[in-house]
Amino acid sequence: MRQILLKKQKELDELSKTPTGQQRQIRVNQVWESYKETIKEALHSDRGSSIYAQRKKLKLSLFSVR
């Protein structure tokens, strides 16, 4: 069991490296995360939900033929 875990850990260590051998990094943009949270709250409000629901009723053609 321990050998399996060590093998799995070695595979994960290899996946966490870039092709040049450097450790991969995760960066989170706090401004963008804040913006997404604001939009999510707006869409889940009563007014936002009703506006968003209207998109289903709207039928626009990308290529209008006249």
C-alpha atoms as a PDB file:
ATOM      1  CA  MET A   1       0.000   0.000   0.000  1.00  0.00           C
ATOM      2  CA  ARG A   2       2.781   2.417   0.916  1.00  0.00           C
ATOM      3  CA  GLN A   3       4.567   1.712  -2.388  1.00  0.00           C
ATOM      4  CA  ILE A   4       1.414   2.563  -4.308  1.00  0.00           C
ATOM      5  CA  LEU A   5       1.093   5.850  -2.432  1.00  0.00           C
ATOM      6  CA  LEU A   6       4.743   6.715  -3.053  1.00  0.00           C
ATOM      7  CA  LYS A   7       4.341   5.937  -6.768  1.00  0.00           C
ATOM      8  CA  LYS A   8       1.207   8.102  -6.927  1.00  0.00           C
ATOM      9  CA  GLN A   9       2.999  10.932  -5.104  1.00  0.00           C
ATOM     10  CA  LYS A  10       5.889  10.752  -7.581  1.00  0.00           C
ATOM     11  CA  GLU A  11       3.429  10.998 -10.501  1.00  0.00           C
ATOM     12  CA  LEU A  12       1.740  14.007  -8.902  1.00  0.00           C
ATOM     13  CA  ASP A  13       5.114  15.673  -8.319  1.00  0.00           C
ATOM     14  CA  GLU A  14       5.945  15.247 -12.006  1.00  0.00           C
ATOM     15  CA  LEU A  15       2.594  16.739 -13.035  1.00  0.00           C
ATOM     16  CA  SER A  16       3.140  19.770 -10.804  1.00  0.00           C
ATOM     17  CA  LYS A  17       6.279  20.750 -12.719  1.00  0.00           C
ATOM     18  CA  THR A  18       6.504  22.804 -15.899  1.00  0.00           C
ATOM     19  CA  PRO A  19       8.340  21.389 -18.929  1.00  0.00           C
ATOM     20  CA  THR A  20      11.454  23.243 -17.734  1.00  0.00           C
ATOM     21  CA  GLY A  21      11.214  21.611 -14.291  1.00  0.00           C
ATOM     22  CA  GLN A  22       9.947  24.620 -12.361  1.00  0.00           C
ATOM     23  CA  GLN A  23       7.125  24.336  -9.830  1.00  0.00           C
ATOM     24  CA  ARG A  24       3.719  25.347 -11.257  1.00  0.00           C
ATOM     25  CA  GLN A  25       2.029  28.265  -9.534  1.00  0.00           C
ATOM     26  CA  ILE A  26      -1.606  29.243  -9.194  1.00  0.00           C
ATOM     27  CA  ARG A  27      -2.462  32.914  -9.104  1.00  0.00           C
ATOM     28  CA  VAL A  28      -5.878  34.302  -8.200  1.00  0.00           C
ATOM     29  CA  ASN A  29      -6.923  37.775  -9.341  1.00  0.00           C
ATOM     30  CA  GLN A  30      -8.799  39.151  -6.323  1.00  0.00           C
ATOM     31  CA  VAL A  31     -10.306  42.044  -8.324  1.00  0.00           C
ATOM     32  CA  TRP A  32     -11.799  39.631 -10.863  1.00  0.00           C
ATOM     33  CA  GLU A  33     -13.090  37.306  -8.127  1.00  0.00           C
ATOM     34  CA  SER A  34     -14.764  40.304  -6.441  1.00  0.00           C
ATOM     35  CA  TYR A  35     -16.336  41.331  -9.744  1.00  0.00           C
ATOM     36  CA  LYS A  36     -17.683  37.805 -10.359  1.00  0.00           C
ATOM     37  CA  GLU A  37     -19.191  37.721  -6.866  1.00  0.00           C
ATOM     38  CA  THR A  38     -20.917  41.084  -7.449  1.00  0.00           C
ATOM     39  CA  ILE A  39     -22.409  39.892 -10.741  1.00  0.00           C
ATOM     40  CA  LYS A  40     -23.534  36.601  -9.178  1.00  0.00           C
ATOM     41  CA  GLU A  41     -25.342  38.484  -6.398  1.00  0.00           C
ATOM     42  CA  ALA A  42     -26.978  40.801  -8.943  1.00  0.00           C
ATOM     43  CA  LEU A  43     -28.217  37.881 -11.056  1.00  0.00           C
ATOM     44  CA  HIS A  44     -29.631  36.054  -8.041  1.00  0.00           C
ATOM     45  CA  SER A  45     -31.642  39.061  -6.875  1.00  0.00           C
ATOM     46  CA  ASP A  46     -35.342  39.178  -7.778  1.00  0.00           C
ATOM     47  CA  ARG A  47     -34.841  41.939 -10.345  1.00  0.00           C
ATOM     48  CA  GLY A  48     -31.758  40.303 -11.843  1.00  0.00           C
ATOM     49  CA  SER A  49     -33.497  36.946 -12.120  1.00  0.00           C
ATOM     50  CA  SER A  50     -36.459  38.467 -13.938  1.00  0.00           C
ATOM     51  CA  ILE A  51     -34.217  40.329 -16.387  1.00  0.00           C
ATOM     52  CA  TYR A  52     -32.127  37.215 -17.011  1.00  0.00           C
ATOM     53  CA  ALA A  53     -35.281  35.132 -17.589  1.00  0.00           C
ATOM     54  CA  GLN A  54     -36.354  37.509 -20.361  1.00  0.00           C
ATOM     55  CA  ARG A  55     -33.413  36.389 -22.501  1.00  0.00           C
ATOM     56  CA  LYS A  56     -35.300  33.158 -23.206  1.00  0.00           C
ATOM     57  CA  LYS A  57     -38.180  35.125 -24.711  1.00  0.00           C
ATOM     58  CA  LEU A  58     -35.960  37.237 -26.958  1.00  0.00           C
ATOM     59  CA  LYS A  59     -35.404  35.658 -30.354  1.00  0.00           C
ATOM     60  CA  LEU A  60     -32.844  37.414 -32.462  1.00  0.00           C
ATOM     61  CA  SER A  61     -31.387  36.100 -35.665  1.00  0.00           C
ATOM     62  CA  LEU A  62     -27.662  36.424 -36.128  1.00  0.00           C
ATOM     63  CA  PHE A  63     -28.155  36.721 -39.859  1.00  0.00           C
ATOM     64  CA  SER A  64     -31.328  38.607 -40.550  1.00  0.00           C
ATOM     65  CA  VAL A  65     -32.729  38.057 -44.035  1.00  0.00           C
ATOM     66  CA  ARG A  66     -34.839  40.816 -45.500  1.00  0.00           C
END
